[in-house]
Amino acid sequence: YGSGGREIGEKLARMMDVPFYDRELIALAAQ
């Protein structure tokens, strides 16, 4: 926590042009 991991993951996903999942998994589980 506080390492910037989520932000790094988002940037990496944009660089790779691939989907990004974090809190999105909660929405999918709820759905």
Full PDB file with SEQRES, HELIX, SHEET, SSBOND, CRYST1, ORIGX, SCALE, CONECT and MASTER records, all heavy atoms in Angstrom:
SEQRES   1 A   31  TYR GLY SER GLY GLY ARG GLU ILE GLY GLU LYS LEU ALA          
SEQRES   2 A   31  ARG MET MET ASP VAL PRO PHE TYR ASP ARG GLU LEU ILE          
SEQRES   3 A   31  ALA LEU ALA ALA GLN                                          
HELIX    1 AA1 GLY A    5  MET A   16  1                                  12    
HELIX    2 AA2 GLU A   24  ALA A   30  1                                   7    
CRYST1    1.000    1.000    1.000  90.00  90.00  90.00 P 1           1          
ORIGX1      1.000000  0.000000  0.000000        0.00000                         
ORIGX2      0.000000  1.000000  0.000000        0.00000                         
ORIGX3      0.000000  0.000000  1.000000        0.00000                         
SCALE1      1.000000  0.000000  0.000000        0.00000                         
SCALE2      0.000000  1.000000  0.000000        0.00000                         
SCALE3      0.000000  0.000000  1.000000        0.00000                         
ATOM      1  N   TYR A   1       0.845  -1.192   0.000  1.00  0.00           N  
ATOM      2  CA  TYR A   1       0.000   0.000   0.000  1.00  0.00           C  
ATOM      3  C   TYR A   1       0.883   1.245   0.000  1.00  0.00           C  
ATOM      4  O   TYR A   1       1.832   1.353   0.768  1.00  0.00           O  
ATOM      5  CB  TYR A   1      -0.909   0.001   1.224  1.00  0.00           C  
ATOM      6  CG  TYR A   1      -1.911   1.139   1.211  1.00  0.00           C  
ATOM      7  CD1 TYR A   1      -2.885   1.211   0.236  1.00  0.00           C  
ATOM      8  CD2 TYR A   1      -1.864   2.141   2.179  1.00  0.00           C  
ATOM      9  CE1 TYR A   1      -3.805   2.245   0.213  1.00  0.00           C  
ATOM     10  CE2 TYR A   1      -2.782   3.180   2.173  1.00  0.00           C  
ATOM     11  CZ  TYR A   1      -3.745   3.232   1.185  1.00  0.00           C  
ATOM     12  OH  TYR A   1      -4.646   4.264   1.159  1.00  0.00           O  
ATOM     13  N   GLY A   2       0.565   2.162  -0.902  1.00  0.00           N  
ATOM     14  CA  GLY A   2       1.351   3.381  -0.999  1.00  0.00           C  
ATOM     15  C   GLY A   2       2.530   3.290  -1.941  1.00  0.00           C  
ATOM     16  O   GLY A   2       3.265   4.258  -2.126  1.00  0.00           O  
ATOM     17  N   SER A   3       2.722   2.131  -2.566  1.00  0.00           N  
ATOM     18  CA  SER A   3       3.839   1.958  -3.503  1.00  0.00           C  
ATOM     19  C   SER A   3       3.496   2.446  -4.908  1.00  0.00           C  
ATOM     20  O   SER A   3       4.364   2.513  -5.774  1.00  0.00           O  
ATOM     21  CB  SER A   3       4.248   0.481  -3.574  1.00  0.00           C  
ATOM     22  OG  SER A   3       3.205  -0.291  -4.159  1.00  0.00           O  
ATOM     23  N   GLY A   4       2.220   2.774  -5.133  1.00  0.00           N  
ATOM     24  CA  GLY A   4       1.788   3.191  -6.469  1.00  0.00           C  
ATOM     25  C   GLY A   4       1.499   2.032  -7.387  1.00  0.00           C  
ATOM     26  O   GLY A   4       1.457   2.193  -8.612  1.00  0.00           O  
ATOM     27  N   GLY A   5       1.266   0.854  -6.814  1.00  0.00           N  
ATOM     28  CA  GLY A   5       1.057  -0.345  -7.618  1.00  0.00           C  
ATOM     29  C   GLY A   5      -0.109  -0.257  -8.578  1.00  0.00           C  
ATOM     30  O   GLY A   5       0.006  -0.673  -9.741  1.00  0.00           O  
ATOM     31  N   ARG A   6      -1.238   0.285  -8.107  1.00  0.00           N  
ATOM     32  CA  ARG A   6      -2.405   0.395  -8.998  1.00  0.00           C  
ATOM     33  C   ARG A   6      -2.093   1.327 -10.174  1.00  0.00           C  
ATOM     34  O   ARG A   6      -2.394   1.005 -11.322  1.00  0.00           O  
ATOM     35  CB  ARG A   6      -3.620   0.913  -8.234  1.00  0.00           C  
ATOM     36  CG  ARG A   6      -4.836   1.139  -9.132  1.00  0.00           C  
ATOM     37  CD  ARG A   6      -6.004   1.790  -8.402  1.00  0.00           C  
ATOM     38  NE  ARG A   6      -6.990   2.255  -9.354  1.00  0.00           N  
ATOM     39  CZ  ARG A   6      -7.957   1.505  -9.887  1.00  0.00           C  
ATOM     40  NH1 ARG A   6      -8.062   0.232  -9.558  1.00  0.00           N  
ATOM     41  NH2 ARG A   6      -8.821   2.007 -10.743  1.00  0.00           N  
ATOM     42  N   GLU A   7      -1.477   2.465  -9.878  1.00  0.00           N  
ATOM     43  CA  GLU A   7      -1.136   3.428 -10.935  1.00  0.00           C  
ATOM     44  C   GLU A   7      -0.157   2.806 -11.928  1.00  0.00           C  
ATOM     45  O   GLU A   7      -0.292   2.990 -13.146  1.00  0.00           O  
ATOM     46  CB  GLU A   7      -0.521   4.678 -10.314  1.00  0.00           C  
ATOM     47  CG  GLU A   7      -0.202   5.769 -11.310  1.00  0.00           C  
ATOM     48  CD  GLU A   7       0.405   7.001 -10.669  1.00  0.00           C  
ATOM     49  OE1 GLU A   7       0.225   7.187  -9.440  1.00  0.00           O  
ATOM     50  OE2 GLU A   7       1.076   7.772 -11.388  1.00  0.00           O  
ATOM     51  N   ILE A   8       0.800   2.065 -11.430  1.00  0.00           N  
ATOM     52  CA  ILE A   8       1.762   1.381 -12.305  1.00  0.00           C  
ATOM     53  C   ILE A   8       1.033   0.364 -13.182  1.00  0.00           C  
ATOM     54  O   ILE A   8       1.302   0.251 -14.382  1.00  0.00           O  
ATOM     55  CB  ILE A   8       2.858   0.704 -11.462  1.00  0.00           C  
ATOM     56  CG1 ILE A   8       3.760   1.766 -10.833  1.00  0.00           C  
ATOM     57  CG2 ILE A   8       3.692  -0.267 -12.309  1.00  0.00           C  
ATOM     58  CD1 ILE A   8       4.662   1.252  -9.729  1.00  0.00           C  
ATOM     59  N   GLY A   9       0.104  -0.379 -12.585  1.00  0.00           N  
ATOM     60  CA  GLY A   9      -0.668  -1.354 -13.341  1.00  0.00           C  
ATOM     61  C   GLY A   9      -1.486  -0.706 -14.442  1.00  0.00           C  
ATOM     62  O   GLY A   9      -1.565  -1.224 -15.571  1.00  0.00           O  
ATOM     63  N   GLU A  10      -2.100   0.446 -14.141  1.00  0.00           N  
ATOM     64  CA  GLU A  10      -2.888   1.165 -15.146  1.00  0.00           C  
ATOM     65  C   GLU A  10      -1.999   1.646 -16.295  1.00  0.00           C  
ATOM     66  O   GLU A  10      -2.365   1.517 -17.473  1.00  0.00           O  
ATOM     67  CB  GLU A  10      -3.584   2.359 -14.499  1.00  0.00           C  
ATOM     68  CG  GLU A  10      -4.749   1.989 -13.598  1.00  0.00           C  
ATOM     69  CD  GLU A  10      -5.398   3.200 -12.960  1.00  0.00           C  
ATOM     70  OE1 GLU A  10      -4.649   4.075 -12.434  1.00  0.00           O  
ATOM     71  OE2 GLU A  10      -6.633   3.288 -12.974  1.00  0.00           O  
ATOM     72  N   LYS A  11      -0.846   2.189 -15.943  1.00  0.00           N  
ATOM     73  CA  LYS A  11       0.072   2.680 -16.982  1.00  0.00           C  
ATOM     74  C   LYS A  11       0.578   1.524 -17.840  1.00  0.00           C  
ATOM     75  O   LYS A  11       0.673   1.641 -19.067  1.00  0.00           O  
ATOM     76  CB  LYS A  11       1.251   3.418 -16.339  1.00  0.00           C  
ATOM     77  CG  LYS A  11       0.885   4.764 -15.721  1.00  0.00           C  
ATOM     78  CD  LYS A  11       2.105   5.425 -15.102  1.00  0.00           C  
ATOM     79  CE  LYS A  11       1.743   6.742 -14.413  1.00  0.00           C  
ATOM     80  NZ  LYS A  11       1.290   7.772 -15.350  1.00  0.00           N  
ATOM     81  N   LEU A  12       0.898   0.413 -17.192  1.00  0.00           N  
ATOM     82  CA  LEU A  12       1.379  -0.760 -17.919  1.00  0.00           C  
ATOM     83  C   LEU A  12       0.315  -1.285 -18.877  1.00  0.00           C  
ATOM     84  O   LEU A  12       0.618  -1.631 -20.028  1.00  0.00           O  
ATOM     85  CB  LEU A  12       1.789  -1.849 -16.929  1.00  0.00           C  
ATOM     86  CG  LEU A  12       2.324  -3.155 -17.517  1.00  0.00           C  
ATOM     87  CD1 LEU A  12       3.583  -2.911 -18.325  1.00  0.00           C  
ATOM     88  CD2 LEU A  12       2.602  -4.164 -16.404  1.00  0.00           C  
ATOM     89  N   ALA A  13      -0.930  -1.333 -18.425  1.00  0.00           N  
ATOM     90  CA  ALA A  13      -2.023  -1.799 -19.282  1.00  0.00           C  
ATOM     91  C   ALA A  13      -2.192  -0.898 -20.499  1.00  0.00           C  
ATOM     92  O   ALA A  13      -2.436  -1.377 -21.617  1.00  0.00           O  
ATOM     93  CB  ALA A  13      -3.323  -1.873 -18.479  1.00  0.00           C  
ATOM     94  N   ARG A  14      -2.045   0.424 -20.294  1.00  0.00           N  
ATOM     95  CA  ARG A  14      -2.148   1.353 -21.429  1.00  0.00           C  
ATOM     96  C   ARG A  14      -0.986   1.158 -22.399  1.00  0.00           C  
ATOM     97  O   ARG A  14      -1.179   1.186 -23.619  1.00  0.00           O  
ATOM     98  CB  ARG A  14      -2.186   2.803 -20.931  1.00  0.00           C  
ATOM     99  CG  ARG A  14      -3.523   3.214 -20.331  1.00  0.00           C  
ATOM    100  CD  ARG A  14      -3.647   4.720 -20.232  1.00  0.00           C  
ATOM    101  NE  ARG A  14      -2.714   5.302 -19.285  1.00  0.00           N  
ATOM    102  CZ  ARG A  14      -2.968   5.475 -17.998  1.00  0.00           C  
ATOM    103  NH1 ARG A  14      -4.143   5.091 -17.496  1.00  0.00           N  
ATOM    104  NH2 ARG A  14      -2.079   6.026 -17.203  1.00  0.00           N  
ATOM    105  N   MET A  15       0.203   0.954 -21.855  1.00  0.00           N  
ATOM    106  CA  MET A  15       1.373   0.729 -22.719  1.00  0.00           C  
ATOM    107  C   MET A  15       1.222  -0.535 -23.549  1.00  0.00           C  
ATOM    108  O   MET A  15       1.645  -0.592 -24.706  1.00  0.00           O  
ATOM    109  CB  MET A  15       2.646   0.628 -21.867  1.00  0.00           C  
ATOM    110  CG  MET A  15       3.073   1.915 -21.203  1.00  0.00           C  
ATOM    111  SD  MET A  15       4.480   1.624 -20.074  1.00  0.00           S  
ATOM    112  CE  MET A  15       4.663   3.244 -19.320  1.00  0.00           C  
ATOM    113  N   MET A  16       0.629  -1.557 -22.931  1.00  0.00           N  
ATOM    114  CA  MET A  16       0.447  -2.836 -23.618  1.00  0.00           C  
ATOM    115  C   MET A  16      -0.823  -2.862 -24.455  1.00  0.00           C  
ATOM    116  O   MET A  16      -1.017  -3.763 -25.273  1.00  0.00           O  
ATOM    117  CB  MET A  16       0.397  -3.973 -22.581  1.00  0.00           C  
ATOM    118  CG  MET A  16       1.683  -4.170 -21.806  1.00  0.00           C  
ATOM    119  SD  MET A  16       1.526  -5.431 -20.487  1.00  0.00           S  
ATOM    120  CE  MET A  16       1.293  -6.930 -21.463  1.00  0.00           C  
ATOM    121  N   ASP A  17      -1.704  -1.864 -24.213  1.00  0.00           N  
ATOM    122  CA  ASP A  17      -3.010  -1.798 -24.874  1.00  0.00           C  
ATOM    123  C   ASP A  17      -3.834  -3.054 -24.584  1.00  0.00           C  
ATOM    124  O   ASP A  17      -4.360  -3.711 -25.476  1.00  0.00           O  
ATOM    125  CB  ASP A  17      -2.848  -1.608 -26.387  1.00  0.00           C  
ATOM    126  CG  ASP A  17      -4.167  -1.242 -27.066  1.00  0.00           C  
ATOM    127  OD1 ASP A  17      -5.055  -0.684 -26.391  1.00  0.00           O  
ATOM    128  OD2 ASP A  17      -4.313  -1.535 -28.275  1.00  0.00           O  
ATOM    129  N   VAL A  18      -3.913  -3.364 -23.271  1.00  0.00           N  
ATOM    130  CA  VAL A  18      -4.659  -4.541 -22.829  1.00  0.00           C  
ATOM    131  C   VAL A  18      -5.612  -4.135 -21.701  1.00  0.00           C  
ATOM    132  O   VAL A  18      -5.441  -3.075 -21.081  1.00  0.00           O  
ATOM    133  CB  VAL A  18      -3.711  -5.663 -22.334  1.00  0.00           C  
ATOM    134  CG1 VAL A  18      -2.784  -6.108 -23.458  1.00  0.00           C  
ATOM    135  CG2 VAL A  18      -2.907  -5.220 -21.115  1.00  0.00           C  
ATOM    136  N   PRO A  19      -6.616  -4.953 -21.388  1.00  0.00           N  
ATOM    137  CA  PRO A  19      -7.553  -4.625 -20.309  1.00  0.00           C  
ATOM    138  C   PRO A  19      -6.874  -4.571 -18.937  1.00  0.00           C  
ATOM    139  O   PRO A  19      -5.881  -5.264 -18.697  1.00  0.00           O  
ATOM    140  CB  PRO A  19      -8.567  -5.772 -20.364  1.00  0.00           C  
ATOM    141  CG  PRO A  19      -8.452  -6.329 -21.736  1.00  0.00           C  
ATOM    142  CD  PRO A  19      -7.013  -6.175 -22.114  1.00  0.00           C  
ATOM    143  N   PHE A  20      -7.431  -3.745 -18.069  1.00  0.00           N  
ATOM    144  CA  PHE A  20      -6.921  -3.567 -16.702  1.00  0.00           C  
ATOM    145  C   PHE A  20      -8.022  -3.951 -15.720  1.00  0.00           C  
ATOM    146  O   PHE A  20      -9.170  -3.543 -15.868  1.00  0.00           O  
ATOM    147  CB  PHE A  20      -6.518  -2.112 -16.488  1.00  0.00           C  
ATOM    148  CG  PHE A  20      -6.134  -1.782 -15.071  1.00  0.00           C  
ATOM    149  CD1 PHE A  20      -4.875  -2.101 -14.580  1.00  0.00           C  
ATOM    150  CD2 PHE A  20      -7.041  -1.155 -14.217  1.00  0.00           C  
ATOM    151  CE1 PHE A  20      -4.519  -1.797 -13.271  1.00  0.00           C  
ATOM    152  CE2 PHE A  20      -6.698  -0.846 -12.909  1.00  0.00           C  
ATOM    153  CZ  PHE A  20      -5.428  -1.173 -12.440  1.00  0.00           C  
ATOM    154  N   TYR A  21      -7.657  -4.751 -14.711  1.00  0.00           N  
ATOM    155  CA  TYR A  21      -8.636  -5.194 -13.717  1.00  0.00           C  
ATOM    156  C   TYR A  21      -8.122  -4.963 -12.301  1.00  0.00           C  
ATOM    157  O   TYR A  21      -7.054  -5.427 -11.925  1.00  0.00           O  
ATOM    158  CB  TYR A  21      -8.956  -6.686 -13.889  1.00  0.00           C  
ATOM    159  CG  TYR A  21      -9.639  -7.013 -15.183  1.00  0.00           C  
ATOM    160  CD1 TYR A  21      -8.902  -7.480 -16.270  1.00  0.00           C  
ATOM    161  CD2 TYR A  21     -11.014  -6.845 -15.330  1.00  0.00           C  
ATOM    162  CE1 TYR A  21      -9.519  -7.775 -17.472  1.00  0.00           C  
ATOM    163  CE2 TYR A  21     -11.645  -7.140 -16.530  1.00  0.00           C  
ATOM    164  CZ  TYR A  21     -10.894  -7.599 -17.592  1.00  0.00           C  
ATOM    165  OH  TYR A  21     -11.507  -7.889 -18.786  1.00  0.00           O  
ATOM    166  N   ASP A  22      -8.891  -4.230 -11.537  1.00  0.00           N  
ATOM    167  CA  ASP A  22      -8.647  -4.055 -10.108  1.00  0.00           C  
ATOM    168  C   ASP A  22     -10.025  -4.069  -9.457  1.00  0.00           C  
ATOM    169  O   ASP A  22     -10.603  -5.137  -9.272  1.00  0.00           O  
ATOM    170  CB  ASP A  22      -7.876  -2.753  -9.844  1.00  0.00           C  
ATOM    171  CG  ASP A  22      -7.546  -2.546  -8.368  1.00  0.00           C  
ATOM    172  OD1 ASP A  22      -7.766  -3.479  -7.569  1.00  0.00           O  
ATOM    173  OD2 ASP A  22      -7.085  -1.461  -7.999  1.00  0.00           O  
ATOM    174  N   ARG A  23     -10.567  -2.905  -9.170  1.00  0.00           N  
ATOM    175  CA  ARG A  23     -11.916  -2.860  -8.596  1.00  0.00           C  
ATOM    176  C   ARG A  23     -12.965  -3.321  -9.604  1.00  0.00           C  
ATOM    177  O   ARG A  23     -14.100  -3.630  -9.225  1.00  0.00           O  
ATOM    178  CB  ARG A  23     -12.226  -1.436  -8.129  1.00  0.00           C  
ATOM    179  CG  ARG A  23     -11.256  -0.944  -7.047  1.00  0.00           C  
ATOM    180  CD  ARG A  23     -11.656   0.412  -6.496  1.00  0.00           C  
ATOM    181  NE  ARG A  23     -10.613   0.950  -5.651  1.00  0.00           N  
ATOM    182  CZ  ARG A  23      -9.704   1.845  -6.034  1.00  0.00           C  
ATOM    183  NH1 ARG A  23      -9.731   2.307  -7.279  1.00  0.00           N  
ATOM    184  NH2 ARG A  23      -8.797   2.291  -5.201  1.00  0.00           N  
ATOM    185  N   GLU A  24     -12.565  -3.363 -10.876  1.00  0.00           N  
ATOM    186  CA  GLU A  24     -13.473  -3.860 -11.915  1.00  0.00           C  
ATOM    187  C   GLU A  24     -13.923  -5.282 -11.619  1.00  0.00           C  
ATOM    188  O   GLU A  24     -15.017  -5.705 -12.017  1.00  0.00           O  
ATOM    189  CB  GLU A  24     -12.786  -3.795 -13.283  1.00  0.00           C  
ATOM    190  CG  GLU A  24     -12.489  -2.402 -13.805  1.00  0.00           C  
ATOM    191  CD  GLU A  24     -11.267  -1.743 -13.188  1.00  0.00           C  
ATOM    192  OE1 GLU A  24     -10.594  -2.378 -12.353  1.00  0.00           O  
ATOM    193  OE2 GLU A  24     -10.986  -0.585 -13.556  1.00  0.00           O  
ATOM    194  N   LEU A  25     -13.080  -6.055 -10.921  1.00  0.00           N  
ATOM    195  CA  LEU A  25     -13.433  -7.437 -10.578  1.00  0.00           C  
ATOM    196  C   LEU A  25     -14.609  -7.485  -9.606  1.00  0.00           C  
ATOM    197  O   LEU A  25     -15.404  -8.424  -9.632  1.00  0.00           O  
ATOM    198  CB  LEU A  25     -12.226  -8.156  -9.975  1.00  0.00           C  
ATOM    199  CG  LEU A  25     -11.057  -8.429 -10.934  1.00  0.00           C  
ATOM    200  CD1 LEU A  25      -9.857  -8.950 -10.171  1.00  0.00           C  
ATOM    201  CD2 LEU A  25     -11.479  -9.430 -12.012  1.00  0.00           C  
ATOM    202  N   ILE A  26     -14.718  -6.475  -8.742  1.00  0.00           N  
ATOM    203  CA  ILE A  26     -15.850  -6.410  -7.814  1.00  0.00           C  
ATOM    204  C   ILE A  26     -17.138  -6.206  -8.601  1.00  0.00           C  
ATOM    205  O   ILE A  26     -18.152  -6.851  -8.334  1.00  0.00           O  
ATOM    206  CB  ILE A  26     -15.658  -5.271  -6.796  1.00  0.00           C  
ATOM    207  CG1 ILE A  26     -14.416  -5.520  -5.941  1.00  0.00           C  
ATOM    208  CG2 ILE A  26     -16.897  -5.132  -5.908  1.00  0.00           C  
ATOM    209  CD1 ILE A  26     -14.082  -4.381  -5.004  1.00  0.00           C  
ATOM    210  N   ALA A  27     -17.099  -5.295  -9.578  1.00  0.00           N  
ATOM    211  CA  ALA A  27     -18.278  -5.042 -10.409  1.00  0.00           C  
ATOM    212  C   ALA A  27     -18.700  -6.292 -11.169  1.00  0.00           C  
ATOM    213  O   ALA A  27     -19.898  -6.605 -11.262  1.00  0.00           O  
ATOM    214  CB  ALA A  27     -17.994  -3.898 -11.376  1.00  0.00           C  
ATOM    215  N   LEU A  28     -17.727  -7.031 -11.701  1.00  0.00           N  
ATOM    216  CA  LEU A  28     -18.040  -8.262 -12.430  1.00  0.00           C  
ATOM    217  C   LEU A  28     -18.614  -9.321 -11.494  1.00  0.00           C  
ATOM    218  O   LEU A  28     -19.553 -10.041 -11.869  1.00  0.00           O  
ATOM    219  CB  LEU A  28     -16.772  -8.802 -13.110  1.00  0.00           C  
ATOM    220  CG  LEU A  28     -16.255  -8.003 -14.307  1.00  0.00           C  
ATOM    221  CD1 LEU A  28     -14.892  -8.529 -14.742  1.00  0.00           C  
ATOM    222  CD2 LEU A  28     -17.246  -8.071 -15.468  1.00  0.00           C  
ATOM    223  N   ALA A  29     -18.065  -9.414 -10.280  1.00  0.00           N  
ATOM    224  CA  ALA A  29     -18.577 -10.374  -9.306  1.00  0.00           C  
ATOM    225  C   ALA A  29     -20.008 -10.033  -8.916  1.00  0.00           C  
ATOM    226  O   ALA A  29     -20.860 -10.923  -8.794  1.00  0.00           O  
ATOM    227  CB  ALA A  29     -17.681 -10.390  -8.066  1.00  0.00           C  
ATOM    228  N   ALA A  30     -20.282  -8.753  -8.727  1.00  0.00           N  
ATOM    229  CA  ALA A  30     -21.627  -8.312  -8.367  1.00  0.00           C  
ATOM    230  C   ALA A  30     -22.604  -8.605  -9.497  1.00  0.00           C  
ATOM    231  O   ALA A  30     -23.739  -9.045  -9.270  1.00  0.00           O  
ATOM    232  CB  ALA A  30     -21.615  -6.823  -8.039  1.00  0.00           C  
ATOM    233  N   GLN A  31     -22.148  -8.379 -10.717  1.00  0.00           N  
ATOM    234  CA  GLN A  31     -22.991  -8.623 -11.885  1.00  0.00           C  
ATOM    235  C   GLN A  31     -23.350 -10.096 -12.004  1.00  0.00           C  
ATOM    236  O   GLN A  31     -24.494 -10.454 -12.307  1.00  0.00           O  
ATOM    237  CB  GLN A  31     -22.254  -8.148 -13.140  1.00  0.00           C  
ATOM    238  CG  GLN A  31     -23.097  -8.145 -14.402  1.00  0.00           C  
ATOM    239  CD  GLN A  31     -22.303  -7.591 -15.575  1.00  0.00           C  
ATOM    240  OE1 GLN A  31     -21.075  -7.468 -15.530  1.00  0.00           O  
ATOM    241  NE2 GLN A  31     -22.999  -7.255 -16.640  1.00  0.00           N  
TER     242      GLN A  31                                                      
MASTER        0    0    0    2    0    0    0    6  241    1    0    3          
END                                                                             
